[in-house]
Amino acid sequence: MTTVPSPCINWCDINPENGYCRGCYRTLTEIANWSDLTNPEKLEVWSLLSSRKLQAPQQN
C-alpha cells in the first residue's frame, strides 16, 4: 500500500498567530504525529491545508 506523502517543504517555522507551520500549514501536533497517522487521517490533514493557507497572513 502506498503511504500518503508528507506536505513538508523543509521550511519549518510555526506562525505564533495561528499555530500553523509557515511551510506546510500543519499544526505541531499534526507534524509530530504524521508518521503514526493512518492514510485516511493524513488525507484529512491534507484536505485542511488549502483553506489554512488562504487564511494565513501573506509574507511580503
PDB file of N, CA and C in Angstrom:
ATOM      1  N   MET A   1       0.829  -1.181   0.000  1.00  0.00           N
ATOM      2  CA  MET A   1       0.000   0.000   0.000  1.00  0.00           C
ATOM      3  C   MET A   1       0.878   1.250   0.000  1.00  0.00           C
ATOM      4  N   THR A   2       0.508   2.245  -0.775  1.00  0.00           N
ATOM      5  CA  THR A   2       1.249   3.497  -0.850  1.00  0.00           C
ATOM      6  C   THR A   2       0.881   4.387   0.334  1.00  0.00           C
ATOM      7  N   THR A   3       1.884   5.027   0.896  1.00  0.00           N
ATOM      8  CA  THR A   3       1.667   5.935   2.009  1.00  0.00           C
ATOM      9  C   THR A   3       1.439   7.341   1.475  1.00  0.00           C
ATOM     10  N   VAL A   4       0.511   8.069   2.087  1.00  0.00           N
ATOM     11  CA  VAL A   4       0.251   9.456   1.717  1.00  0.00           C
ATOM     12  C   VAL A   4       1.491  10.272   2.062  1.00  0.00           C
ATOM     13  N   PRO A   5       2.024  11.054   1.104  1.00  0.00           N
ATOM     14  CA  PRO A   5       3.249  11.807   1.360  1.00  0.00           C
ATOM     15  C   PRO A   5       3.025  12.972   2.320  1.00  0.00           C
ATOM     16  N   SER A   6       4.075  13.338   2.985  1.00  0.00           N
ATOM     17  CA  SER A   6       4.040  14.490   3.879  1.00  0.00           C
ATOM     18  C   SER A   6       3.980  15.778   3.051  1.00  0.00           C
ATOM     19  N   PRO A   7       3.267  16.792   3.538  1.00  0.00           N
ATOM     20  CA  PRO A   7       3.246  18.074   2.843  1.00  0.00           C
ATOM     21  C   PRO A   7       4.465  18.935   3.176  1.00  0.00           C
ATOM     22  N   CYS A   8       5.376  18.431   3.955  1.00  0.00           N
ATOM     23  CA  CYS A   8       6.556  19.195   4.374  1.00  0.00           C
ATOM     24  C   CYS A   8       7.365  19.669   3.169  1.00  0.00           C
ATOM     25  N   ILE A   9       7.743  20.959   3.210  1.00  0.00           N
ATOM     26  CA  ILE A   9       8.596  21.515   2.156  1.00  0.00           C
ATOM     27  C   ILE A   9       9.935  21.979   2.735  1.00  0.00           C
ATOM     28  N   ASN A  10      10.252  21.499   3.943  1.00  0.00           N
ATOM     29  CA  ASN A  10      11.508  21.826   4.631  1.00  0.00           C
ATOM     30  C   ASN A  10      11.653  23.311   4.940  1.00  0.00           C
ATOM     31  N   TRP A  11      10.559  23.971   5.204  1.00  0.00           N
ATOM     32  CA  TRP A  11      10.555  25.341   5.716  1.00  0.00           C
ATOM     33  C   TRP A  11       9.750  25.285   7.004  1.00  0.00           C
ATOM     34  N   CYS A  12      10.401  24.931   8.083  1.00  0.00           N
ATOM     35  CA  CYS A  12       9.735  24.669   9.348  1.00  0.00           C
ATOM     36  C   CYS A  12       9.805  25.899  10.244  1.00  0.00           C
ATOM     37  N   ASP A  13       8.678  26.588  10.346  1.00  0.00           N
ATOM     38  CA  ASP A  13       8.585  27.803  11.142  1.00  0.00           C
ATOM     39  C   ASP A  13       7.128  27.955  11.569  1.00  0.00           C
ATOM     40  N   ILE A  14       6.862  27.842  12.856  1.00  0.00           N
ATOM     41  CA  ILE A  14       5.487  27.922  13.343  1.00  0.00           C
ATOM     42  C   ILE A  14       5.088  29.386  13.498  1.00  0.00           C
ATOM     43  N   ASN A  15       3.984  29.748  12.876  1.00  0.00           N
ATOM     44  CA  ASN A  15       3.445  31.089  12.963  1.00  0.00           C
ATOM     45  C   ASN A  15       2.741  31.219  14.316  1.00  0.00           C
ATOM     46  N   PRO A  16       3.204  32.129  15.192  1.00  0.00           N
ATOM     47  CA  PRO A  16       2.593  32.254  16.515  1.00  0.00           C
ATOM     48  C   PRO A  16       1.163  32.805  16.465  1.00  0.00           C
ATOM     49  N   GLU A  17       0.794  33.437  15.365  1.00  0.00           N
ATOM     50  CA  GLU A  17      -0.553  34.000  15.250  1.00  0.00           C
ATOM     51  C   GLU A  17      -1.625  32.929  15.074  1.00  0.00           C
ATOM     52  N   ASN A  18      -1.286  31.847  14.359  1.00  0.00           N
ATOM     53  CA  ASN A  18      -2.307  30.824  14.091  1.00  0.00           C
ATOM     54  C   ASN A  18      -1.869  29.406  14.457  1.00  0.00           C
ATOM     55  N   GLY A  19      -0.613  29.210  14.813  1.00  0.00           N
ATOM     56  CA  GLY A  19      -0.127  27.890  15.220  1.00  0.00           C
ATOM     57  C   GLY A  19       0.180  26.952  14.072  1.00  0.00           C
ATOM     58  N   TYR A  20       0.163  27.454  12.840  1.00  0.00           N
ATOM     59  CA  TYR A  20       0.459  26.622  11.669  1.00  0.00           C
ATOM     60  C   TYR A  20       1.892  26.840  11.207  1.00  0.00           C
ATOM     61  N   CYS A  21       2.483  25.782  10.686  1.00  0.00           N
ATOM     62  CA  CYS A  21       3.797  25.893  10.064  1.00  0.00           C
ATOM     63  C   CYS A  21       3.669  26.774   8.831  1.00  0.00           C
ATOM     64  N   ARG A  22       4.585  27.698   8.669  1.00  0.00           N
ATOM     65  CA  ARG A  22       4.544  28.594   7.506  1.00  0.00           C
ATOM     66  C   ARG A  22       4.907  27.869   6.210  1.00  0.00           C
ATOM     67  N   GLY A  23       5.496  26.706   6.314  1.00  0.00           N
ATOM     68  CA  GLY A  23       5.856  25.948   5.126  1.00  0.00           C
ATOM     69  C   GLY A  23       4.758  25.007   4.648  1.00  0.00           C
ATOM     70  N   CYS A  24       4.188  24.235   5.590  1.00  0.00           N
ATOM     71  CA  CYS A  24       3.226  23.201   5.183  1.00  0.00           C
ATOM     72  C   CYS A  24       1.821  23.416   5.729  1.00  0.00           C
ATOM     73  N   TYR A  25       1.668  24.373   6.642  1.00  0.00           N
ATOM     74  CA  TYR A  25       0.361  24.726   7.222  1.00  0.00           C
ATOM     75  C   TYR A  25      -0.229  23.644   8.117  1.00  0.00           C
ATOM     76  N   ARG A  26       0.631  22.768   8.640  1.00  0.00           N
ATOM     77  CA  ARG A  26       0.176  21.807   9.648  1.00  0.00           C
ATOM     78  C   ARG A  26       0.436  22.384  11.034  1.00  0.00           C
ATOM     79  N   THR A  27      -0.274  21.845  12.030  1.00  0.00           N
ATOM     80  CA  THR A  27      -0.010  22.203  13.425  1.00  0.00           C
ATOM     81  C   THR A  27       1.179  21.373  13.924  1.00  0.00           C
ATOM     82  N   LEU A  28       1.732  21.776  15.061  1.00  0.00           N
ATOM     83  CA  LEU A  28       2.820  20.995  15.649  1.00  0.00           C
ATOM     84  C   LEU A  28       2.372  19.568  15.949  1.00  0.00           C
ATOM     85  N   THR A  29       1.146  19.409  16.413  1.00  0.00           N
ATOM     86  CA  THR A  29       0.626  18.079  16.706  1.00  0.00           C
ATOM     87  C   THR A  29       0.540  17.235  15.442  1.00  0.00           C
ATOM     88  N   GLU A  30       0.049  17.817  14.364  1.00  0.00           N
ATOM     89  CA  GLU A  30      -0.037  17.081  13.093  1.00  0.00           C
ATOM     90  C   GLU A  30       1.338  16.694  12.590  1.00  0.00           C
ATOM     91  N   ILE A  31       2.301  17.594  12.734  1.00  0.00           N
ATOM     92  CA  ILE A  31       3.671  17.305  12.297  1.00  0.00           C
ATOM     93  C   ILE A  31       4.257  16.173  13.147  1.00  0.00           C
ATOM     94  N   ALA A  32       4.116  16.285  14.468  1.00  0.00           N
ATOM     95  CA  ALA A  32       4.687  15.286  15.381  1.00  0.00           C
ATOM     96  C   ALA A  32       4.060  13.911  15.203  1.00  0.00           C
ATOM     97  N   ASN A  33       2.769  13.878  14.885  1.00  0.00           N
ATOM     98  CA  ASN A  33       2.062  12.601  14.782  1.00  0.00           C
ATOM     99  C   ASN A  33       2.006  12.032  13.369  1.00  0.00           C
ATOM    100  N   TRP A  34       2.559  12.737  12.391  1.00  0.00           N
ATOM    101  CA  TRP A  34       2.396  12.353  10.991  1.00  0.00           C
ATOM    102  C   TRP A  34       2.722  10.887  10.725  1.00  0.00           C
ATOM    103  N   SER A  35       3.833  10.410  11.234  1.00  0.00           N
ATOM    104  CA  SER A  35       4.244   9.028  10.935  1.00  0.00           C
ATOM    105  C   SER A  35       3.313   7.991  11.561  1.00  0.00           C
ATOM    106  N   ASP A  36       2.544   8.385  12.562  1.00  0.00           N
ATOM    107  CA  ASP A  36       1.612   7.460  13.217  1.00  0.00           C
ATOM    108  C   ASP A  36       0.196   7.539  12.666  1.00  0.00           C
ATOM    109  N   LEU A  37      -0.086   8.538  11.831  1.00  0.00           N
ATOM    110  CA  LEU A  37      -1.431   8.685  11.283  1.00  0.00           C
ATOM    111  C   LEU A  37      -1.700   7.634  10.211  1.00  0.00           C
ATOM    112  N   THR A  38      -2.948   7.233  10.100  1.00  0.00           N
ATOM    113  CA  THR A  38      -3.354   6.339   9.018  1.00  0.00           C
ATOM    114  C   THR A  38      -3.458   7.146   7.729  1.00  0.00           C
ATOM    115  N   ASN A  39      -3.497   6.474   6.599  1.00  0.00           N
ATOM    116  CA  ASN A  39      -3.655   7.192   5.338  1.00  0.00           C
ATOM    117  C   ASN A  39      -4.919   8.053   5.313  1.00  0.00           C
ATOM    118  N   PRO A  40      -6.069   7.560   5.776  1.00  0.00           N
ATOM    119  CA  PRO A  40      -7.256   8.427   5.804  1.00  0.00           C
ATOM    120  C   PRO A  40      -7.062   9.664   6.689  1.00  0.00           C
ATOM    121  N   GLU A  41      -6.358   9.508   7.804  1.00  0.00           N
ATOM    122  CA  GLU A  41      -6.090  10.656   8.671  1.00  0.00           C
ATOM    123  C   GLU A  41      -5.155  11.652   7.980  1.00  0.00           C
ATOM    124  N   LYS A  42      -4.159  11.151   7.273  1.00  0.00           N
ATOM    125  CA  LYS A  42      -3.251  12.026   6.530  1.00  0.00           C
ATOM    126  C   LYS A  42      -4.006  12.777   5.438  1.00  0.00           C
ATOM    127  N   LEU A  43      -4.900  12.095   4.758  1.00  0.00           N
ATOM    128  CA  LEU A  43      -5.701  12.753   3.725  1.00  0.00           C
ATOM    129  C   LEU A  43      -6.602  13.831   4.323  1.00  0.00           C
ATOM    130  N   GLU A  44      -7.092  13.592   5.520  1.00  0.00           N
ATOM    131  CA  GLU A  44      -7.910  14.603   6.214  1.00  0.00           C
ATOM    132  C   GLU A  44      -7.073  15.847   6.493  1.00  0.00           C
ATOM    133  N   VAL A  45      -5.845  15.662   6.964  1.00  0.00           N
ATOM    134  CA  VAL A  45      -4.958  16.803   7.201  1.00  0.00           C
ATOM    135  C   VAL A  45      -4.718  17.537   5.882  1.00  0.00           C
ATOM    136  N   TRP A  46      -4.400  16.806   4.832  1.00  0.00           N
ATOM    137  CA  TRP A  46      -4.184  17.416   3.517  1.00  0.00           C
ATOM    138  C   TRP A  46      -5.388  18.259   3.096  1.00  0.00           C
ATOM    139  N   SER A  47      -6.587  17.777   3.390  1.00  0.00           N
ATOM    140  CA  SER A  47      -7.792  18.488   2.960  1.00  0.00           C
ATOM    141  C   SER A  47      -7.950  19.833   3.675  1.00  0.00           C
ATOM    142  N   LEU A  48      -7.293  20.010   4.792  1.00  0.00           N
ATOM    143  CA  LEU A  48      -7.387  21.265   5.548  1.00  0.00           C
ATOM    144  C   LEU A  48      -6.358  22.303   5.132  1.00  0.00           C
ATOM    145  N   LEU A  49      -5.307  21.879   4.468  1.00  0.00           N
ATOM    146  CA  LEU A  49      -4.169  22.763   4.212  1.00  0.00           C
ATOM    147  C   LEU A  49      -4.485  23.934   3.281  1.00  0.00           C
ATOM    148  N   SER A  50      -5.254  23.717   2.249  1.00  0.00           N
ATOM    149  CA  SER A  50      -5.571  24.803   1.308  1.00  0.00           C
ATOM    150  C   SER A  50      -6.308  25.943   1.991  1.00  0.00           C
ATOM    151  N   SER A  51      -7.298  25.607   2.808  1.00  0.00           N
ATOM    152  CA  SER A  51      -8.053  26.663   3.481  1.00  0.00           C
ATOM    153  C   SER A  51      -7.189  27.368   4.524  1.00  0.00           C
ATOM    154  N   ARG A  52      -6.299  26.637   5.174  1.00  0.00           N
ATOM    155  CA  ARG A  52      -5.388  27.268   6.134  1.00  0.00           C
ATOM    156  C   ARG A  52      -4.462  28.242   5.428  1.00  0.00           C
ATOM    157  N   LYS A  53      -3.961  27.845   4.261  1.00  0.00           N
ATOM    158  CA  LYS A  53      -3.051  28.713   3.517  1.00  0.00           C
ATOM    159  C   LYS A  53      -3.761  29.988   3.093  1.00  0.00           C
ATOM    160  N   LEU A  54      -5.001  29.887   2.669  1.00  0.00           N
ATOM    161  CA  LEU A  54      -5.758  31.062   2.256  1.00  0.00           C
ATOM    162  C   LEU A  54      -6.011  32.021   3.425  1.00  0.00           C
ATOM    163  N   GLN A  55      -6.138  31.483   4.629  1.00  0.00           N
ATOM    164  CA  GLN A  55      -6.417  32.298   5.807  1.00  0.00           C
ATOM    165  C   GLN A  55      -5.155  32.890   6.439  1.00  0.00           C
ATOM    166  N   ALA A  56      -4.002  32.367   6.058  1.00  0.00           N
ATOM    167  CA  ALA A  56      -2.735  32.812   6.669  1.00  0.00           C
ATOM    168  C   ALA A  56      -2.335  34.179   6.142  1.00  0.00           C
ATOM    169  N   PRO A  57      -1.755  35.015   7.024  1.00  0.00           N
ATOM    170  CA  PRO A  57      -1.236  36.290   6.544  1.00  0.00           C
ATOM    171  C   PRO A  57      -0.142  36.056   5.509  1.00  0.00           C
ATOM    172  N   GLN A  58      -0.173  36.820   4.458  1.00  0.00           N
ATOM    173  CA  GLN A  58       0.810  36.659   3.393  1.00  0.00           C
ATOM    174  C   GLN A  58       2.116  37.334   3.758  1.00  0.00           C
ATOM    175  N   GLN A  59       3.206  36.691   3.378  1.00  0.00           N
ATOM    176  CA  GLN A  59       4.543  37.232   3.597  1.00  0.00           C
ATOM    177  C   GLN A  59       4.849  38.276   2.532  1.00  0.00           C
ATOM    178  N   ASN A  60       5.491  39.347   2.912  1.00  0.00           N
ATOM    179  CA  ASN A  60       5.917  40.374   1.924  1.00  0.00           C
ATOM    180  C   ASN A  60       7.386  40.259   1.671  1.00  0.00           C
TER     181      ASN A  60
END
